[in-house]
Amino acid sequence: MIRKKIDQNGGDYLRTVQYAMDRDFVILDDLGSSGFNEWRSEVLFDTIDKRYESRKPTIFTSNLSREELTAGLGKRGASRLFAKENLVIEMHTVMDKREQGK
């Protein structure tokens, strides 16, 4: 959805990030599921940083470990995502519901 919105804004990801970050409540689902490259890491860092600085409620979900997210986001992004004032719920033992029937 973010990529589509960026395309609608003529490729201006900062405008898109600002649009999303001004909302009172944001959910970013499957953080890092598309992998990380320089551009994605920059967009994600800007998003995490703006939400962190605004102190507005944000839910991030990911199947990646803390270490994988740190590697993809860099230390600066991870420090904001895993800051002590944030509530982090790790559910490593929960089985994927789509795999339970196999």
PDB file of N, CA and C in Angstrom:
ATOM      1  N   MET A   1       0.822  -1.190   0.000  1.00  0.00           N
ATOM      2  CA  MET A   1       0.000   0.000   0.000  1.00  0.00           C
ATOM      3  C   MET A   1       0.869   1.257   0.000  1.00  0.00           C
ATOM      4  N   ILE A   2       1.948   1.250   0.762  1.00  0.00           N
ATOM      5  CA  ILE A   2       2.816   2.420   0.794  1.00  0.00           C
ATOM      6  C   ILE A   2       3.425   2.657  -0.582  1.00  0.00           C
ATOM      7  N   ARG A   3       3.888   1.579  -1.222  1.00  0.00           N
ATOM      8  CA  ARG A   3       4.498   1.713  -2.547  1.00  0.00           C
ATOM      9  C   ARG A   3       3.500   2.326  -3.542  1.00  0.00           C
ATOM     10  N   LYS A   4       2.248   1.881  -3.482  1.00  0.00           N
ATOM     11  CA  LYS A   4       1.213   2.422  -4.380  1.00  0.00           C
ATOM     12  C   LYS A   4       1.004   3.917  -4.110  1.00  0.00           C
ATOM     13  N   LYS A   5       0.959   4.280  -2.853  1.00  0.00           N
ATOM     14  CA  LYS A   5       0.773   5.683  -2.489  1.00  0.00           C
ATOM     15  C   LYS A   5       1.975   6.527  -2.924  1.00  0.00           C
ATOM     16  N   ILE A   6       3.175   5.974  -2.798  1.00  0.00           N
ATOM     17  CA  ILE A   6       4.364   6.693  -3.259  1.00  0.00           C
ATOM     18  C   ILE A   6       4.277   6.925  -4.759  1.00  0.00           C
ATOM     19  N   ASP A   7       3.854   5.915  -5.505  1.00  0.00           N
ATOM     20  CA  ASP A   7       3.690   6.066  -6.955  1.00  0.00           C
ATOM     21  C   ASP A   7       2.657   7.140  -7.277  1.00  0.00           C
ATOM     22  N   GLN A   8       1.571   7.189  -6.514  1.00  0.00           N
ATOM     23  CA  GLN A   8       0.531   8.205  -6.724  1.00  0.00           C
ATOM     24  C   GLN A   8       1.060   9.609  -6.439  1.00  0.00           C
ATOM     25  N   ASN A   9       2.045   9.707  -5.562  1.00  0.00           N
ATOM     26  CA  ASN A   9       2.653  10.994  -5.222  1.00  0.00           C
ATOM     27  C   ASN A   9       3.858  11.304  -6.094  1.00  0.00           C
ATOM     28  N   GLY A  10       3.937  10.687  -7.255  1.00  0.00           N
ATOM     29  CA  GLY A  10       5.024  10.973  -8.185  1.00  0.00           C
ATOM     30  C   GLY A  10       6.388  10.510  -7.698  1.00  0.00           C
ATOM     31  N   GLY A  11       6.413   9.474  -6.850  1.00  0.00           N
ATOM     32  CA  GLY A  11       7.678   8.947  -6.361  1.00  0.00           C
ATOM     33  C   GLY A  11       8.225   9.676  -5.144  1.00  0.00           C
ATOM     34  N   ASP A  12       7.477  10.632  -4.629  1.00  0.00           N
ATOM     35  CA  ASP A  12       7.932  11.414  -3.481  1.00  0.00           C
ATOM     36  C   ASP A  12       7.607  10.662  -2.193  1.00  0.00           C
ATOM     37  N   TYR A  13       8.555   9.834  -1.738  1.00  0.00           N
ATOM     38  CA  TYR A  13       8.271   9.016  -0.563  1.00  0.00           C
ATOM     39  C   TYR A  13       8.180   9.859   0.708  1.00  0.00           C
ATOM     40  N   LEU A  14       8.898  10.969   0.781  1.00  0.00           N
ATOM     41  CA  LEU A  14       8.816  11.809   1.979  1.00  0.00           C
ATOM     42  C   LEU A  14       7.413  12.371   2.169  1.00  0.00           C
ATOM     43  N   ARG A  15       6.778  12.753   1.065  1.00  0.00           N
ATOM     44  CA  ARG A  15       5.399  13.250   1.127  1.00  0.00           C
ATOM     45  C   ARG A  15       4.468  12.142   1.615  1.00  0.00           C
ATOM     46  N   THR A  16       4.695  10.932   1.135  1.00  0.00           N
ATOM     47  CA  THR A  16       3.877   9.795   1.539  1.00  0.00           C
ATOM     48  C   THR A  16       4.100   9.461   3.007  1.00  0.00           C
ATOM     49  N   VAL A  17       5.357   9.442   3.429  1.00  0.00           N
ATOM     50  CA  VAL A  17       5.666   9.160   4.822  1.00  0.00           C
ATOM     51  C   VAL A  17       5.032  10.216   5.716  1.00  0.00           C
ATOM     52  N   GLN A  18       5.122  11.465   5.324  1.00  0.00           N
ATOM     53  CA  GLN A  18       4.527  12.539   6.120  1.00  0.00           C
ATOM     54  C   GLN A  18       3.018  12.362   6.225  1.00  0.00           C
ATOM     55  N   TYR A  19       2.377  11.980   5.112  1.00  0.00           N
ATOM     56  CA  TYR A  19       0.925  11.729   5.111  1.00  0.00           C
ATOM     57  C   TYR A  19       0.572  10.652   6.130  1.00  0.00           C
ATOM     58  N   ALA A  20       1.299   9.553   6.100  1.00  0.00           N
ATOM     59  CA  ALA A  20       1.029   8.447   7.019  1.00  0.00           C
ATOM     60  C   ALA A  20       1.382   8.810   8.458  1.00  0.00           C
ATOM     61  N   MET A  21       2.453   9.548   8.636  1.00  0.00           N
ATOM     62  CA  MET A  21       2.923   9.825   9.977  1.00  0.00           C
ATOM     63  C   MET A  21       2.091  10.863  10.707  1.00  0.00           C
ATOM     64  N   ASP A  22       1.308  11.628   9.986  1.00  0.00           N
ATOM     65  CA  ASP A  22       0.456  12.624  10.625  1.00  0.00           C
ATOM     66  C   ASP A  22      -0.802  12.010  11.227  1.00  0.00           C
ATOM     67  N   ARG A  23      -1.083  10.766  10.936  1.00  0.00           N
ATOM     68  CA  ARG A  23      -2.268  10.095  11.456  1.00  0.00           C
ATOM     69  C   ARG A  23      -2.108   9.854  12.953  1.00  0.00           C
ATOM     70  N   ASP A  24      -3.251   9.798  13.659  1.00  0.00           N
ATOM     71  CA  ASP A  24      -3.206   9.579  15.105  1.00  0.00           C
ATOM     72  C   ASP A  24      -2.744   8.177  15.468  1.00  0.00           C
ATOM     73  N   PHE A  25      -3.031   7.206  14.611  1.00  0.00           N
ATOM     74  CA  PHE A  25      -2.698   5.817  14.898  1.00  0.00           C
ATOM     75  C   PHE A  25      -2.297   5.137  13.594  1.00  0.00           C
ATOM     76  N   VAL A  26      -1.177   4.417  13.603  1.00  0.00           N
ATOM     77  CA  VAL A  26      -0.670   3.761  12.390  1.00  0.00           C
ATOM     78  C   VAL A  26      -0.310   2.311  12.707  1.00  0.00           C
ATOM     79  N   ILE A  27      -0.633   1.419  11.778  1.00  0.00           N
ATOM     80  CA  ILE A  27      -0.207   0.022  11.863  1.00  0.00           C
ATOM     81  C   ILE A  27       0.639  -0.269  10.631  1.00  0.00           C
ATOM     82  N   LEU A  28       1.862  -0.723  10.850  1.00  0.00           N
ATOM     83  CA  LEU A  28       2.730  -1.164   9.755  1.00  0.00           C
ATOM     84  C   LEU A  28       2.897  -2.668   9.904  1.00  0.00           C
ATOM     85  N   ASP A  29       2.268  -3.400   9.006  1.00  0.00           N
ATOM     86  CA  ASP A  29       2.231  -4.854   9.095  1.00  0.00           C
ATOM     87  C   ASP A  29       3.356  -5.479   8.283  1.00  0.00           C
ATOM     88  N   ASP A  30       3.941  -6.529   8.821  1.00  0.00           N
ATOM     89  CA  ASP A  30       4.957  -7.327   8.134  1.00  0.00           C
ATOM     90  C   ASP A  30       6.221  -6.532   7.813  1.00  0.00           C
ATOM     91  N   LEU A  31       6.687  -5.796   8.774  1.00  0.00           N
ATOM     92  CA  LEU A  31       7.896  -4.983   8.621  1.00  0.00           C
ATOM     93  C   LEU A  31       9.071  -5.844   8.151  1.00  0.00           C
ATOM     94  N   GLY A  32       9.660  -5.456   7.051  1.00  0.00           N
ATOM     95  CA  GLY A  32      10.820  -6.160   6.515  1.00  0.00           C
ATOM     96  C   GLY A  32      10.506  -7.361   5.651  1.00  0.00           C
ATOM     97  N   SER A  33       9.227  -7.629   5.399  1.00  0.00           N
ATOM     98  CA  SER A  33       8.871  -8.829   4.636  1.00  0.00           C
ATOM     99  C   SER A  33       9.326  -8.759   3.178  1.00  0.00           C
ATOM    100  N   SER A  34       9.530  -7.572   2.664  1.00  0.00           N
ATOM    101  CA  SER A  34       9.995  -7.414   1.276  1.00  0.00           C
ATOM    102  C   SER A  34      11.515  -7.371   1.189  1.00  0.00           C
ATOM    103  N   GLY A  35      12.155  -7.600   2.310  1.00  0.00           N
ATOM    104  CA  GLY A  35      13.613  -7.516   2.341  1.00  0.00           C
ATOM    105  C   GLY A  35      14.053  -6.082   2.567  1.00  0.00           C
ATOM    106  N   PHE A  36      15.337  -5.909   2.659  1.00  0.00           N
ATOM    107  CA  PHE A  36      15.898  -4.584   2.898  1.00  0.00           C
ATOM    108  C   PHE A  36      16.893  -4.254   1.792  1.00  0.00           C
ATOM    109  N   ASN A  37      16.810  -3.039   1.323  1.00  0.00           N
ATOM    110  CA  ASN A  37      17.844  -2.471   0.472  1.00  0.00           C
ATOM    111  C   ASN A  37      18.024  -1.038   0.973  1.00  0.00           C
ATOM    112  N   GLU A  38      18.911  -0.311   0.377  1.00  0.00           N
ATOM    113  CA  GLU A  38      19.198   1.041   0.882  1.00  0.00           C
ATOM    114  C   GLU A  38      17.953   1.920   0.899  1.00  0.00           C
ATOM    115  N   TRP A  39      17.168   1.875  -0.180  1.00  0.00           N
ATOM    116  CA  TRP A  39      15.973   2.717  -0.285  1.00  0.00           C
ATOM    117  C   TRP A  39      14.920   2.315   0.738  1.00  0.00           C
ATOM    118  N   ARG A  40      14.626   1.027   0.848  1.00  0.00           N
ATOM    119  CA  ARG A  40      13.625   0.565   1.810  1.00  0.00           C
ATOM    120  C   ARG A  40      14.043   0.889   3.235  1.00  0.00           C
ATOM    121  N   SER A  41      15.303   0.672   3.537  1.00  0.00           N
ATOM    122  CA  SER A  41      15.792   0.964   4.885  1.00  0.00           C
ATOM    123  C   SER A  41      15.655   2.449   5.206  1.00  0.00           C
ATOM    124  N   GLU A  42      15.908   3.298   4.223  1.00  0.00           N
ATOM    125  CA  GLU A  42      15.770   4.748   4.427  1.00  0.00           C
ATOM    126  C   GLU A  42      14.315   5.129   4.675  1.00  0.00           C
ATOM    127  N   VAL A  43      13.399   4.577   3.869  1.00  0.00           N
ATOM    128  CA  VAL A  43      11.979   4.871   4.045  1.00  0.00           C
ATOM    129  C   VAL A  43      11.499   4.379   5.410  1.00  0.00           C
ATOM    130  N   LEU A  44      11.887   3.158   5.765  1.00  0.00           N
ATOM    131  CA  LEU A  44      11.473   2.615   7.060  1.00  0.00           C
ATOM    132  C   LEU A  44      12.066   3.413   8.215  1.00  0.00           C
ATOM    133  N   PHE A  45      13.329   3.807   8.103  1.00  0.00           N
ATOM    134  CA  PHE A  45      13.926   4.612   9.166  1.00  0.00           C
ATOM    135  C   PHE A  45      13.168   5.923   9.333  1.00  0.00           C
ATOM    136  N   ASP A  46      12.900   6.612   8.214  1.00  0.00           N
ATOM    137  CA  ASP A  46      12.174   7.889   8.301  1.00  0.00           C
ATOM    138  C   ASP A  46      10.807   7.693   8.944  1.00  0.00           C
ATOM    139  N   THR A  47      10.142   6.615   8.600  1.00  0.00           N
ATOM    140  CA  THR A  47       8.821   6.320   9.152  1.00  0.00           C
ATOM    141  C   THR A  47       8.915   6.048  10.650  1.00  0.00           C
ATOM    142  N   ILE A  48       9.814   5.166  11.043  1.00  0.00           N
ATOM    143  CA  ILE A  48       9.980   4.828  12.457  1.00  0.00           C
ATOM    144  C   ILE A  48      10.401   6.061  13.257  1.00  0.00           C
ATOM    145  N   ASP A  49      11.327   6.841  12.709  1.00  0.00           N
ATOM    146  CA  ASP A  49      11.820   8.029  13.398  1.00  0.00           C
ATOM    147  C   ASP A  49      10.707   9.047  13.616  1.00  0.00           C
ATOM    148  N   LYS A  50       9.915   9.314  12.592  1.00  0.00           N
ATOM    149  CA  LYS A  50       8.839  10.302  12.722  1.00  0.00           C
ATOM    150  C   LYS A  50       7.792   9.849  13.739  1.00  0.00           C
ATOM    151  N   ARG A  51       7.441   8.552  13.716  1.00  0.00           N
ATOM    152  CA  ARG A  51       6.467   8.043  14.678  1.00  0.00           C
ATOM    153  C   ARG A  51       7.042   8.091  16.094  1.00  0.00           C
ATOM    154  N   TYR A  52       8.295   7.750  16.227  1.00  0.00           N
ATOM    155  CA  TYR A  52       8.946   7.761  17.538  1.00  0.00           C
ATOM    156  C   TYR A  52       8.984   9.185  18.101  1.00  0.00           C
ATOM    157  N   GLU A  53       9.405  10.131  17.285  1.00  0.00           N
ATOM    158  CA  GLU A  53       9.513  11.524  17.738  1.00  0.00           C
ATOM    159  C   GLU A  53       8.146  12.127  18.060  1.00  0.00           C
ATOM    160  N   SER A  54       7.105  11.736  17.318  1.00  0.00           N
ATOM    161  CA  SER A  54       5.768  12.288  17.559  1.00  0.00           C
ATOM    162  C   SER A  54       5.083  11.650  18.760  1.00  0.00           C
ATOM    163  N   ARG A  55       5.607  10.502  19.190  1.00  0.00           N
ATOM    164  CA  ARG A  55       5.043   9.757  20.317  1.00  0.00           C
ATOM    165  C   ARG A  55       3.586   9.364  20.083  1.00  0.00           C
ATOM    166  N   LYS A  56       3.228   9.173  18.832  1.00  0.00           N
ATOM    167  CA  LYS A  56       1.880   8.709  18.506  1.00  0.00           C
ATOM    168  C   LYS A  56       1.874   7.182  18.473  1.00  0.00           C
ATOM    169  N   PRO A  57       0.745   6.572  18.866  1.00  0.00           N
ATOM    170  CA  PRO A  57       0.694   5.108  18.901  1.00  0.00           C
ATOM    171  C   PRO A  57       0.908   4.484  17.525  1.00  0.00           C
ATOM    172  N   THR A  58       1.766   3.482  17.502  1.00  0.00           N
ATOM    173  CA  THR A  58       2.118   2.785  16.272  1.00  0.00           C
ATOM    174  C   THR A  58       2.296   1.307  16.587  1.00  0.00           C
ATOM    175  N   ILE A  59       1.715   0.463  15.757  1.00  0.00           N
ATOM    176  CA  ILE A  59       1.916  -0.970  15.893  1.00  0.00           C
ATOM    177  C   ILE A  59       2.724  -1.440  14.693  1.00  0.00           C
ATOM    178  N   PHE A  60       3.814  -2.125  14.969  1.00  0.00           N
ATOM    179  CA  PHE A  60       4.639  -2.748  13.936  1.00  0.00           C
ATOM    180  C   PHE A  60       4.538  -4.255  14.131  1.00  0.00           C
ATOM    181  N   THR A  61       4.310  -4.979  13.054  1.00  0.00           N
ATOM    182  CA  THR A  61       4.361  -6.436  13.141  1.00  0.00           C
ATOM    183  C   THR A  61       5.449  -6.926  12.197  1.00  0.00           C
ATOM    184  N   SER A  62       6.052  -8.053  12.551  1.00  0.00           N
ATOM    185  CA  SER A  62       7.091  -8.626  11.705  1.00  0.00           C
ATOM    186  C   SER A  62       7.315 -10.078  12.090  1.00  0.00           C
ATOM    187  N   ASN A  63       7.691 -10.885  11.121  1.00  0.00           N
ATOM    188  CA  ASN A  63       8.111 -12.254  11.390  1.00  0.00           C
ATOM    189  C   ASN A  63       9.619 -12.321  11.613  1.00  0.00           C
ATOM    190  N   LEU A  64      10.283 -11.197  11.488  1.00  0.00           N
ATOM    191  CA  LEU A  64      11.730 -11.166  11.628  1.00  0.00           C
ATOM    192  C   LEU A  64      12.127 -11.058  13.098  1.00  0.00           C
ATOM    193  N   SER A  65      13.285 -11.583  13.408  1.00  0.00           N
ATOM    194  CA  SER A  65      13.812 -11.488  14.766  1.00  0.00           C
ATOM    195  C   SER A  65      14.336 -10.073  15.014  1.00  0.00           C
ATOM    196  N   ARG A  66      14.608  -9.800  16.242  1.00  0.00           N
ATOM    197  CA  ARG A  66      15.207  -8.522  16.631  1.00  0.00           C
ATOM    198  C   ARG A  66      16.531  -8.302  15.890  1.00  0.00           C
ATOM    199  N   GLU A  67      17.315  -9.356  15.793  1.00  0.00           N
ATOM    200  CA  GLU A  67      18.616  -9.273  15.114  1.00  0.00           C
ATOM    201  C   GLU A  67      18.442  -8.991  13.619  1.00  0.00           C
ATOM    202  N   GLU A  68      17.468  -9.649  12.989  1.00  0.00           N
ATOM    203  CA  GLU A  68      17.223  -9.430  11.554  1.00  0.00           C
ATOM    204  C   GLU A  68      16.724  -8.011  11.302  1.00  0.00           C
ATOM    205  N   LEU A  69      15.855  -7.515  12.163  1.00  0.00           N
ATOM    206  CA  LEU A  69      15.371  -6.140  12.009  1.00  0.00           C
ATOM    207  C   LEU A  69      16.503  -5.141  12.221  1.00  0.00           C
ATOM    208  N   THR A  70      17.352  -5.395  13.196  1.00  0.00           N
ATOM    209  CA  THR A  70      18.494  -4.507  13.444  1.00  0.00           C
ATOM    210  C   THR A  70      19.427  -4.493  12.237  1.00  0.00           C
ATOM    211  N   ALA A  71      19.674  -5.657  11.655  1.00  0.00           N
ATOM    212  CA  ALA A  71      20.536  -5.726  10.470  1.00  0.00           C
ATOM    213  C   ALA A  71      19.928  -4.954   9.310  1.00  0.00           C
ATOM    214  N   GLY A  72      18.621  -5.043   9.130  1.00  0.00           N
ATOM    215  CA  GLY A  72      17.963  -4.366   8.009  1.00  0.00           C
ATOM    216  C   GLY A  72      17.737  -2.890   8.209  1.00  0.00           C
ATOM    217  N   LEU A  73      17.421  -2.493   9.437  1.00  0.00           N
ATOM    218  CA  LEU A  73      17.115  -1.089   9.726  1.00  0.00           C
ATOM    219  C   LEU A  73      18.338  -0.290  10.143  1.00  0.00           C
ATOM    220  N   GLY A  74      19.377  -0.977  10.569  1.00  0.00           N
ATOM    221  CA  GLY A  74      20.546  -0.298  11.105  1.00  0.00           C
ATOM    222  C   GLY A  74      20.339  -0.013  12.587  1.00  0.00           C
ATOM    223  N   LYS A  75      21.410   0.327  13.255  1.00  0.00           N
ATOM    224  CA  LYS A  75      21.349   0.554  14.698  1.00  0.00           C
ATOM    225  C   LYS A  75      20.442   1.720  15.070  1.00  0.00           C
ATOM    226  N   ARG A  76      20.462   2.774  14.272  1.00  0.00           N
ATOM    227  CA  ARG A  76      19.636   3.958  14.586  1.00  0.00           C
ATOM    228  C   ARG A  76      18.151   3.618  14.532  1.00  0.00           C
ATOM    229  N   GLY A  77      17.745   2.910  13.477  1.00  0.00           N
ATOM    230  CA  GLY A  77      16.337   2.526  13.348  1.00  0.00           C
ATOM    231  C   GLY A  77      15.913   1.554  14.427  1.00  0.00           C
ATOM    232  N   ALA A  78      16.761   0.568  14.688  1.00  0.00           N
ATOM    233  CA  ALA A  78      16.445  -0.433  15.707  1.00  0.00           C
ATOM    234  C   ALA A  78      16.375   0.196  17.098  1.00  0.00           C
ATOM    235  N   SER A  79      17.232   1.175  17.369  1.00  0.00           N
ATOM    236  CA  SER A  79      17.212   1.792  18.697  1.00  0.00           C
ATOM    237  C   SER A  79      15.892   2.516  18.941  1.00  0.00           C
ATOM    238  N   ARG A  80      15.303   3.071  17.909  1.00  0.00           N
ATOM    239  CA  ARG A  80      14.010   3.743  18.050  1.00  0.00           C
ATOM    240  C   ARG A  80      12.886   2.708  18.149  1.00  0.00           C
ATOM    241  N   LEU A  81      12.967   1.673  17.332  1.00  0.00           N
ATOM    242  CA  LEU A  81      11.936   0.639  17.319  1.00  0.00           C
ATOM    243  C   LEU A  81      11.887  -0.112  18.649  1.00  0.00           C
ATOM    244  N   PHE A  82      13.051  -0.434  19.207  1.00  0.00           N
ATOM    245  CA  PHE A  82      13.126  -1.212  20.437  1.00  0.00           C
ATOM    246  C   PHE A  82      13.446  -0.368  21.668  1.00  0.00           C
ATOM    247  N   ALA A  83      13.156   0.922  21.603  1.00  0.00           N
ATOM    248  CA  ALA A  83      13.430   1.825  22.733  1.00  0.00           C
ATOM    249  C   ALA A  83      12.713   1.337  23.990  1.00  0.00           C
ATOM    250  N   LYS A  84      13.311   1.589  25.133  1.00  0.00           N
ATOM    251  CA  LYS A  84      12.771   1.075  26.395  1.00  0.00           C
ATOM    252  C   LYS A  84      11.367   1.585  26.695  1.00  0.00           C
ATOM    253  N   GLU A  85      11.011   2.739  26.177  1.00  0.00           N
ATOM    254  CA  GLU A  85       9.665   3.261  26.442  1.00  0.00           C
ATOM    255  C   GLU A  85       8.595   2.636  25.543  1.00  0.00           C
ATOM    256  N   ASN A  86       9.005   1.841  24.565  1.00  0.00           N
ATOM    257  CA  ASN A  86       8.060   1.143  23.693  1.00  0.00           C
ATOM    258  C   ASN A  86       7.717  -0.215  24.278  1.00  0.00           C
ATOM    259  N   LEU A  87       6.501  -0.645  24.051  1.00  0.00           N
ATOM    260  CA  LEU A  87       6.093  -1.988  24.445  1.00  0.00           C
ATOM    261  C   LEU A  87       6.410  -2.927  23.286  1.00  0.00           C
ATOM    262  N   VAL A  88       7.264  -3.900  23.535  1.00  0.00           N
ATOM    263  CA  VAL A  88       7.646  -4.880  22.518  1.00  0.00           C
ATOM    264  C   VAL A  88       7.147  -6.243  22.975  1.00  0.00           C
ATOM    265  N   ILE A  89       6.329  -6.865  22.148  1.00  0.00           N
ATOM    266  CA  ILE A  89       5.807  -8.191  22.448  1.00  0.00           C
ATOM    267  C   ILE A  89       6.418  -9.156  21.445  1.00  0.00           C
ATOM    268  N   GLU A  90       7.200 -10.087  21.943  1.00  0.00           N
ATOM    269  CA  GLU A  90       7.836 -11.075  21.072  1.00  0.00           C
ATOM    270  C   GLU A  90       7.114 -12.396  21.242  1.00  0.00           C
ATOM    271  N   MET A  91       6.737 -12.999  20.128  1.00  0.00           N
ATOM    272  CA  MET A  91       5.942 -14.220  20.157  1.00  0.00           C
ATOM    273  C   MET A  91       6.602 -15.309  19.312  1.00  0.00           C
ATOM    274  N   HIS A  92       7.815 -15.664  19.657  1.00  0.00           N
ATOM    275  CA  HIS A  92       8.586 -16.631  18.871  1.00  0.00           C
ATOM    276  C   HIS A  92       8.006 -18.039  18.915  1.00  0.00           C
ATOM    277  N   THR A  93       7.233 -18.339  19.934  1.00  0.00           N
ATOM    278  CA  THR A  93       6.721 -19.699  20.079  1.00  0.00           C
ATOM    279  C   THR A  93       5.350 -19.893  19.440  1.00  0.00           C
ATOM    280  N   VAL A  94       4.760 -18.841  18.905  1.00  0.00           N
ATOM    281  CA  VAL A  94       3.441 -18.948  18.292  1.00  0.00           C
ATOM    282  C   VAL A  94       3.587 -19.501  16.881  1.00  0.00           C
ATOM    283  N   MET A  95       2.819 -20.553  16.592  1.00  0.00           N
ATOM    284  CA  MET A  95       2.865 -21.177  15.275  1.00  0.00           C
ATOM    285  C   MET A  95       1.989 -20.398  14.292  1.00  0.00           C
ATOM    286  N   ASP A  96       2.443 -20.267  13.074  1.00  0.00           N
ATOM    287  CA  ASP A  96       1.693 -19.600  12.020  1.00  0.00           C
ATOM    288  C   ASP A  96       0.386 -20.354  11.800  1.00  0.00           C
ATOM    289  N   LYS A  97      -0.744 -19.670  11.898  1.00  0.00           N
ATOM    290  CA  LYS A  97      -2.041 -20.330  11.774  1.00  0.00           C
ATOM    291  C   LYS A  97      -2.234 -20.977  10.405  1.00  0.00           C
ATOM    292  N   ARG A  98      -1.549 -20.447   9.393  1.00  0.00           N
ATOM    293  CA  ARG A  98      -1.663 -21.029   8.048  1.00  0.00           C
ATOM    294  C   ARG A  98      -0.922 -22.345   7.939  1.00  0.00           C
ATOM    295  N   GLU A  99       0.011 -22.586   8.848  1.00  0.00           N
ATOM    296  CA  GLU A  99       0.786 -23.812   8.813  1.00  0.00           C
ATOM    297  C   GLU A  99       0.247 -24.875   9.774  1.00  0.00           C
ATOM    298  N   GLN A 100      -0.694 -24.529  10.610  1.00  0.00           N
ATOM    299  CA  GLN A 100      -1.202 -25.459  11.620  1.00  0.00           C
ATOM    300  C   GLN A 100      -1.936 -26.651  11.006  1.00  0.00           C
ATOM    301  N   GLY A 101      -2.597 -26.446   9.879  1.00  0.00           N
ATOM    302  CA  GLY A 101      -3.376 -27.519   9.266  1.00  0.00           C
ATOM    303  C   GLY A 101      -2.577 -28.475   8.418  1.00  0.00           C
ATOM    304  N   LYS A 102      -1.297 -28.241   8.248  1.00  0.00           N
ATOM    305  CA  LYS A 102      -0.473 -29.080   7.377  1.00  0.00           C
ATOM    306  C   LYS A 102      -0.053 -30.359   8.046  1.00  0.00           C
TER     307      LYS A 102
END
